[in-house]
Protein backbone atom coordinates (compact mmCIF):
# COMPACT_ATOMS: atom_id res chain seq x y z
CA MET A 1 -100.52 -79.75 222.58
CA GLU A 2 -99.98 -76.45 224.38
CA THR A 3 -97.60 -76.29 227.32
CA GLY A 4 -98.84 -74.86 230.60
CA ILE A 5 -97.11 -71.53 230.00
CA SER A 6 -98.40 -71.12 226.45
CA LEU A 7 -101.89 -72.18 227.56
CA PHE A 8 -101.92 -69.52 230.27
CA GLU A 9 -100.73 -66.91 227.78
CA SER A 10 -103.44 -67.98 225.35
CA ASN A 11 -106.03 -67.72 228.13
CA ARG A 12 -104.88 -64.22 229.05
CA LYS A 13 -105.28 -63.15 225.45
CA SER A 14 -108.73 -64.75 225.37
CA VAL A 15 -109.79 -62.61 228.33
CA LEU A 16 -108.71 -59.45 226.52
CA LYS A 17 -110.50 -60.55 223.38
CA SER A 18 -113.65 -61.35 225.32
CA ILE A 19 -114.02 -57.93 226.95
CA GLU A 20 -112.47 -55.71 224.28
CA HIS A 21 -115.85 -54.84 222.74
CA LYS A 22 -118.06 -55.13 225.82
CA LYS A 23 -119.39 -51.84 227.20
CA SER A 24 -120.17 -53.26 230.64
CA PHE A 25 -118.84 -56.33 232.42
CA ALA A 26 -117.37 -57.52 235.70
CA LEU A 27 -114.06 -59.27 236.30
CA VAL A 28 -113.36 -61.63 239.20
CA TYR A 29 -109.72 -62.43 239.96
CA ILE A 30 -109.02 -65.54 242.02
CA THR A 31 -105.67 -66.53 243.50
CA ILE A 32 -104.81 -69.68 245.44
CA ILE A 33 -102.69 -68.29 248.28
CA SER A 34 -102.19 -71.35 250.50
CA TRP A 35 -103.38 -74.88 250.78
CA HIS A 36 -102.76 -75.86 254.42
CA GLU A 37 -103.54 -79.57 254.67
CA LEU A 38 -104.30 -79.87 250.97
CA ASP A 39 -101.71 -80.06 248.23
CA LEU A 40 -101.84 -77.63 245.30
CA SER A 41 -103.33 -80.11 242.84
CA LYS A 42 -106.25 -80.74 245.18
CA CYS A 43 -106.80 -77.02 245.60
CA ILE A 44 -106.83 -76.56 241.85
CA ASP A 45 -109.32 -79.41 241.48
CA VAL A 46 -111.65 -77.78 244.01
CA VAL A 47 -111.47 -74.40 242.29
CA MET A 48 -112.04 -75.81 238.82
CA ARG A 49 -115.03 -77.87 239.97
CA LYS A 50 -116.52 -74.71 241.50
CA LEU A 51 -115.89 -72.63 238.37
CA THR A 52 -117.39 -75.28 236.10
CA LEU A 53 -120.68 -74.83 237.95
CA TYR A 54 -120.87 -71.22 236.72
CA GLN A 55 -120.66 -72.18 233.05
CA PRO A 56 -121.99 -71.24 230.53
CA LYS A 57 -123.23 -68.01 232.13
CA VAL A 58 -119.70 -67.02 233.18
CA GLU A 59 -116.46 -67.31 231.23
CA TRP A 60 -113.47 -68.41 233.29
CA TYR A 61 -109.83 -68.73 232.38
CA ARG A 62 -106.82 -70.10 234.18
CA VAL A 63 -104.35 -67.28 233.55
CA PHE A 64 -101.45 -68.43 235.75
CA ASP A 65 -100.58 -71.57 237.66
CA LYS A 66 -102.61 -70.58 240.72
CA GLU A 67 -104.72 -67.73 239.32
CA TYR A 68 -108.05 -67.53 237.52
CA LEU A 69 -109.95 -64.72 235.86
CA LEU A 70 -113.71 -64.72 235.38
CA VAL A 71 -115.67 -62.55 232.96
CA CYS A 72 -119.21 -61.86 234.19
CA HIS A 73 -122.06 -59.99 232.56
CA ALA A 74 -123.27 -58.17 235.67
CA LYS A 75 -121.98 -56.77 238.92
CA SER A 76 -124.48 -58.83 240.92
CA GLN A 77 -123.17 -61.98 239.28
CA ALA A 78 -119.56 -61.13 240.15
CA ARG A 79 -120.49 -60.21 243.72
CA LEU A 80 -122.40 -63.45 244.26
CA ILE A 81 -119.52 -65.55 242.94
CA SER A 82 -117.05 -63.64 245.10
CA GLN A 83 -119.19 -64.22 248.19
CA GLU A 84 -119.59 -67.93 247.46
CA LEU A 85 -115.90 -68.52 246.85
CA SER A 86 -114.79 -66.42 249.81
CA ASN A 87 -115.79 -69.35 252.01
CA ILE A 88 -112.77 -71.23 250.68
CA GLU A 89 -109.99 -70.19 253.06
CA TYR A 90 -107.07 -70.54 250.65
CA LEU A 91 -108.53 -68.22 248.01
CA LYS A 92 -108.02 -64.48 247.62
CA ILE A 93 -110.71 -62.84 245.51
CA HIS A 94 -111.35 -59.38 244.09
CA TYR A 95 -113.84 -58.18 241.52
CA LEU A 96 -114.05 -55.10 239.35
CA TYR A 97 -117.22 -53.78 237.73
CA VAL A 98 -117.00 -51.69 234.56
CA GLN A 99 -120.22 -49.92 233.61
CA ASP A 100 -119.14 -47.89 230.59
CA ARG A 101 -115.83 -49.06 229.17
CA LYS A 102 -113.72 -46.21 227.79
CA LEU A 103 -110.21 -47.66 227.97
CA PRO A 104 -108.67 -50.73 226.32
CA ALA A 105 -109.46 -54.07 227.92
CA LEU A 106 -105.93 -54.48 229.25
CA ASN A 107 -106.44 -51.47 231.52
CA TYR A 108 -109.17 -53.26 233.48
CA VAL A 109 -107.47 -56.64 233.55
CA ARG A 110 -104.39 -55.04 235.01
CA GLN A 111 -106.43 -53.08 237.53
CA VAL A 112 -108.18 -56.13 238.96
CA TYR A 113 -104.90 -58.06 238.91
CA LEU A 114 -103.21 -55.35 240.98
CA GLN A 115 -106.15 -55.23 243.36
CA ASN A 116 -105.76 -58.94 243.91
CA THR A 117 -101.99 -58.75 244.21
CA ASN A 118 -102.10 -56.05 246.86
CA SER A 119 -105.48 -55.67 248.52
CA ASP A 120 -104.21 -52.97 250.88
CA GLU A 121 -103.38 -50.56 248.10
CA ILE A 122 -105.04 -50.32 244.71
CA LYS A 123 -102.15 -49.35 242.51
CA GLU A 124 -102.44 -46.98 239.62
CA CYS A 125 -103.28 -48.93 236.48
CA SER A 126 -100.36 -47.71 234.46
CA SER A 127 -97.56 -45.28 235.19
CA GLN A 128 -97.05 -43.19 232.07
CA LYS A 129 -93.36 -42.69 232.82
CA GLY A 130 -92.93 -46.37 233.58
CA LEU A 131 -94.62 -47.39 230.36
CA VAL A 132 -92.26 -45.33 228.24
CA THR A 133 -88.98 -45.74 230.05
CA GLU A 134 -89.16 -49.23 231.50
CA GLU A 135 -91.91 -51.47 230.19
CA PHE A 136 -91.79 -50.88 226.43
CA GLU A 137 -89.28 -52.66 224.27
CA ILE A 138 -88.59 -51.98 220.60
CA VAL A 139 -88.45 -54.89 218.16
CA PHE A 140 -87.91 -54.96 214.41
CA GLN A 141 -89.75 -57.14 211.89
CA PRO A 142 -88.02 -57.75 208.54
CA ILE A 143 -89.54 -56.68 205.23
CA LEU A 144 -88.16 -58.67 202.29
CA HIS A 145 -87.95 -56.90 198.93
CA HIS A 146 -88.09 -58.64 195.55
CA ASN A 147 -84.38 -58.02 195.03
CA ARG A 148 -83.71 -59.75 198.39
CA GLN A 149 -82.79 -56.50 200.12
CA LEU A 150 -84.12 -55.97 203.63
CA SER A 151 -86.02 -53.25 205.42
CA PHE A 152 -87.54 -53.38 208.89
CA GLU A 153 -90.65 -52.14 210.66
CA ALA A 154 -89.99 -50.85 214.18
CA LEU A 155 -92.63 -52.08 216.61
CA SER A 156 -93.24 -51.30 220.25
CA ARG A 157 -94.22 -54.03 222.66
CA TRP A 158 -95.37 -53.52 226.21
CA ARG A 159 -93.44 -56.02 228.29
CA TRP A 160 -95.67 -56.20 231.34
CA GLU A 161 -94.22 -58.74 233.73
CA GLU A 162 -97.58 -60.09 234.87
CA MET A 163 -99.24 -60.38 231.44
CA GLY A 164 -96.33 -60.93 229.08
CA SER A 165 -95.90 -59.12 225.77
CA ILE A 166 -98.86 -56.90 224.83
CA SER A 167 -99.49 -55.71 221.29
CA PRO A 168 -99.41 -51.96 220.52
CA GLY A 169 -103.04 -51.94 219.39
CA ILE A 170 -104.06 -52.65 222.97
CA CYS A 171 -101.59 -50.58 224.96
CA ILE A 172 -100.92 -47.49 222.81
CA PRO A 173 -104.40 -45.97 223.46
CA ILE A 174 -103.60 -45.89 227.18
CA LEU A 175 -100.75 -43.42 226.66
CA ASN A 176 -101.34 -39.70 226.74
CA ILE A 177 -99.93 -37.61 223.88
CA GLU A 178 -96.79 -36.56 225.79
CA SER A 179 -95.87 -40.16 226.58
CA LEU A 180 -96.70 -41.31 223.06
CA ILE A 181 -94.39 -38.64 221.63
CA GLU A 182 -91.57 -39.70 223.96
CA LEU A 183 -92.08 -43.34 223.02
CA THR A 184 -92.02 -42.51 219.30
CA LYS A 185 -88.88 -40.40 219.72
CA ASN A 186 -87.22 -43.38 221.36
CA ILE A 187 -88.29 -45.63 218.48
CA ILE A 188 -86.88 -43.17 215.93
CA LYS A 189 -83.59 -43.00 217.80
CA LYS A 190 -83.25 -46.79 217.88
CA ALA A 191 -84.14 -46.94 214.17
CA VAL A 192 -81.41 -44.42 213.34
CA ASP A 193 -78.91 -46.37 215.45
CA LEU A 194 -79.82 -49.52 213.53
CA LEU A 195 -79.42 -47.82 210.14
CA SER A 196 -75.99 -46.51 211.14
CA ARG A 197 -74.89 -50.07 211.92
CA TYR A 198 -76.19 -51.64 208.70
CA ASN A 199 -75.81 -49.70 205.46
CA GLU A 200 -77.48 -52.57 203.60
CA ILE A 201 -80.85 -51.93 205.28
CA VAL A 202 -83.02 -50.00 202.80
CA TYR A 203 -85.20 -48.28 205.42
CA VAL A 204 -86.78 -48.65 208.83
CA SER A 205 -90.49 -47.78 209.05
CA ILE A 206 -92.13 -46.25 212.12
CA ASN A 207 -95.85 -46.03 212.91
CA LEU A 208 -97.47 -42.63 213.44
CA SER A 209 -100.93 -42.53 215.02
CA ALA A 210 -103.56 -39.90 214.22
CA SER A 211 -102.76 -37.95 217.40
CA LEU A 212 -99.08 -37.73 216.41
CA ILE A 213 -99.89 -36.38 212.94
CA LYS A 214 -102.08 -33.47 214.07
CA ASP A 215 -99.04 -31.41 215.06
CA ILE A 216 -95.68 -32.59 213.73
CA THR A 217 -93.55 -29.82 215.21
CA TRP A 218 -92.09 -32.31 217.69
CA LEU A 219 -91.29 -34.75 214.88
CA ILE A 220 -89.47 -32.26 212.65
CA GLU A 221 -87.48 -30.92 215.60
CA HIS A 222 -86.52 -34.44 216.69
CA LEU A 223 -85.46 -35.49 213.19
CA ASP A 224 -83.37 -32.34 212.81
CA GLU A 225 -81.81 -32.90 216.21
CA ILE A 226 -80.81 -36.46 215.35
CA GLY A 227 -79.30 -35.28 212.07
CA ILE A 228 -80.20 -38.10 209.67
CA THR A 229 -78.15 -37.90 206.48
CA ASN A 230 -80.47 -39.94 204.24
CA ASN A 231 -84.09 -39.14 205.07
CA ASN A 232 -85.36 -41.78 202.64
CA ARG A 233 -84.05 -44.44 205.01
CA ILE A 234 -86.66 -43.44 207.59
CA ALA A 235 -90.19 -44.38 206.55
CA PHE A 236 -93.46 -43.64 208.32
CA GLU A 237 -96.62 -45.73 208.38
CA ILE A 238 -100.08 -44.25 208.91
CA THR A 239 -103.50 -45.86 209.08
CA GLU A 240 -106.44 -45.15 206.79
CA GLU A 241 -108.23 -43.33 209.62
CA THR A 242 -105.26 -40.99 210.06
CA ILE A 243 -105.40 -39.67 206.50
CA MET A 244 -108.97 -38.39 206.63
CA GLY A 245 -108.21 -34.92 208.02
CA ILE A 246 -106.88 -31.90 206.14
CA GLU A 247 -104.16 -31.43 208.79
CA ALA A 248 -102.88 -34.92 208.06
CA SER A 249 -102.66 -34.19 204.35
CA GLU A 250 -100.66 -31.00 204.86
CA ASN A 251 -98.38 -32.54 207.47
CA LEU A 252 -97.75 -35.63 205.39
CA LYS A 253 -96.64 -33.39 202.54
CA ILE A 254 -94.12 -31.71 204.85
CA ILE A 255 -92.74 -35.10 205.87
CA ARG A 256 -92.64 -36.36 202.28
CA ASP A 257 -90.94 -33.16 201.04
CA ARG A 258 -88.13 -33.88 203.48
CA GLY A 259 -87.49 -37.09 201.60
CA HIS A 260 -89.08 -39.55 204.02
CA ILE A 261 -91.08 -42.51 202.71
CA ILE A 262 -94.77 -42.71 203.66
CA PHE A 263 -96.95 -45.83 203.60
CA ILE A 264 -100.61 -46.45 204.38
CA ASP A 265 -100.53 -49.27 206.92
CA GLY A 266 -103.07 -52.10 207.01
CA PHE A 267 -104.94 -50.94 203.92
CA GLY A 268 -108.34 -52.61 203.72
CA SER A 269 -108.87 -52.97 207.46
CA GLY A 270 -110.36 -49.47 207.90
CA SER A 271 -114.01 -48.49 207.88
CA GLY A 272 -113.99 -46.18 204.86
CA SER A 273 -115.47 -47.12 201.49
CA GLY A 274 -113.24 -48.58 198.81
CA ASN A 275 -113.70 -45.68 196.40
CA SER A 276 -112.73 -43.06 198.97
CA ASN A 277 -109.69 -45.08 199.97
CA PHE A 278 -108.39 -45.25 196.42
CA GLN A 279 -109.15 -41.56 195.97
CA TYR A 280 -107.03 -40.68 199.00
CA MET A 281 -104.22 -42.87 197.69
CA SER A 282 -104.18 -40.95 194.42
CA LEU A 283 -104.25 -37.52 196.08
CA LEU A 284 -102.05 -37.86 199.15
CA PRO A 285 -98.23 -37.71 199.12
CA LEU A 286 -97.70 -41.45 199.53
CA ASN A 287 -94.95 -43.84 198.46
CA GLY A 288 -96.75 -47.08 198.99
CA VAL A 289 -99.41 -49.25 200.58
CA LYS A 290 -99.20 -52.12 203.05
CA LEU A 291 -102.06 -54.51 202.35
CA ASP A 292 -103.68 -55.92 205.46
CA ARG A 293 -103.23 -59.60 206.29
CA LEU A 294 -106.96 -60.22 205.88
CA PHE A 295 -106.46 -60.33 202.10
CA ILE A 296 -104.39 -63.51 202.24
CA SER A 297 -107.00 -65.46 204.17
CA GLY A 298 -110.21 -66.71 202.62
CA LYS A 299 -111.26 -68.60 199.52
CA SER A 300 -111.21 -65.74 197.02
CA ASN A 301 -107.97 -64.18 198.27
CA LYS A 302 -105.87 -64.98 195.21
CA LYS A 303 -108.08 -63.06 192.78
CA VAL A 304 -108.59 -60.25 195.27
CA MET A 305 -104.84 -59.86 195.74
CA GLU A 306 -104.28 -59.81 191.99
CA LEU A 307 -106.92 -57.11 191.49
CA LEU A 308 -105.90 -54.93 194.45
CA THR A 309 -102.21 -54.99 193.70
CA SER A 310 -102.76 -54.15 190.04
CA ILE A 311 -104.85 -51.09 190.96
CA ILE A 312 -102.31 -49.88 193.51
CA LYS A 313 -99.41 -50.39 191.12
CA ALA A 314 -101.35 -48.42 188.49
CA LEU A 315 -101.22 -45.50 190.93
CA ASP A 316 -97.42 -45.82 190.86
CA LEU A 317 -97.26 -46.90 194.50
CA GLU A 318 -95.21 -49.63 196.13
CA VAL A 319 -97.07 -52.64 197.51
CA ILE A 320 -96.08 -54.46 200.68
CA ILE A 321 -98.05 -57.57 201.66
CA GLU A 322 -98.42 -58.02 205.42
CA GLY A 323 -99.16 -61.24 207.26
CA VAL A 324 -97.27 -63.64 205.00
CA ASP A 325 -96.78 -66.27 207.67
CA ASN A 326 -96.32 -69.49 205.71
CA VAL A 327 -95.78 -71.03 202.27
CA GLU A 328 -99.54 -71.20 201.62
CA HIS A 329 -99.79 -67.43 202.08
CA LEU A 330 -96.85 -66.91 199.75
CA ASN A 331 -98.47 -69.11 197.09
CA THR A 332 -101.54 -66.87 197.26
CA LEU A 333 -99.41 -64.07 195.85
CA SER A 334 -98.29 -65.91 192.71
CA ASP A 335 -100.38 -63.66 190.41
CA ALA A 336 -100.16 -60.51 192.53
CA GLN A 337 -98.03 -57.46 191.75
CA TYR A 338 -96.09 -56.57 194.84
CA ASP A 339 -92.69 -55.23 195.86
CA SER A 340 -92.16 -56.66 199.34
CA ILE A 341 -93.56 -59.10 201.87
CA GLN A 342 -93.64 -59.06 205.66
CA GLY A 343 -94.65 -61.76 208.10
CA TYR A 344 -93.54 -64.79 210.08
CA TYR A 345 -92.58 -66.61 206.86
CA ILE A 346 -89.64 -64.20 206.78
CA SER A 347 -89.24 -63.69 210.53
CA LYS A 348 -90.99 -62.80 213.74
CA PRO A 349 -90.27 -59.32 215.18
CA LEU A 350 -86.67 -59.36 216.44
CA THR A 351 -84.90 -57.85 219.39
CA ILE A 352 -81.61 -56.10 218.63
CA ASN A 353 -79.61 -59.22 219.56
CA GLU A 354 -81.81 -61.44 217.40
CA LEU A 355 -81.61 -58.93 214.55
CA THR A 356 -77.81 -59.02 214.63
CA LYS A 357 -77.87 -62.80 214.16
CA PHE A 358 -80.55 -62.48 211.47
CA MET A 359 -78.40 -60.00 209.52
CA ASN A 360 -75.31 -62.19 209.86
CA ASP A 361 -77.25 -65.19 208.56
CA ASN A 362 -78.96 -63.42 205.66
CA CYS A 363 -76.61 -60.70 204.41
């Protein structure tokens, strides 16, 4: 059974999932601000009875102890609900209508939250400087090699106080290129610091988005400035979409010629055809492939993993299996040819303090 906190977190994620692919929608944010003669439990009962009346036409989620978020299909629907509920004196209500969604869902959830938090001043949805310097934290998820050696993938997480930890797939698109470069520089610096502390770590891998690969002048200058002695201890991960342009191919060769390791990340989750994907793998300057977690879920996964890994190994590339979260996933790989695994079966992403304990316990 979920605790209240974990239930609220799950509900917040459900809101994001609900609107992530909607082009138009309206959000209604409801906060219980006082209860006068009523106690809080009675207020909550009143609100939940009211919200139940709107189902199934409206989705509603309890996102904090005294706060609710509704997902409506139309502006008129959100406006009507807001008017009806405004008669309840202990509720504060704001709604936001999105006609043509262009930003990630989190952008709009945060906007309506901030409207409701401070109705006198609609705050800017996200401060670029704040995102980079204050709200992002860097964590490291272990990669376990066959010989029991360890590598790590450096991951950024947006620690937004109101919504908890937000995955990079949601928050990274909000950043402009300058902020994304600064964030990536910070990740590289922390990766280098980690490698200097632990000689036994094989490499730390860092994600590069398509926008970061178009012009790598900043990257080369930053790497030279840091002065890494063993370039093969810094790896870079790129997505299938990133490798489609000629600029990416040329820039990847520059990175690879410096001695850095390059992986395709999440192979199999992209939109390209299988043949073109394998063609790119054979032509581009790559060291390996990270197979997407989708391949270890499903009835035919064992045979698929065996076939995919054999083809990739035939191209003389390393194979890392992502999303190995339990023993059942590991058993799926019994006939597969792979070099490393990554997932919660090994460890969740770790903060620096957690990583220190992890290294002490495992090395």
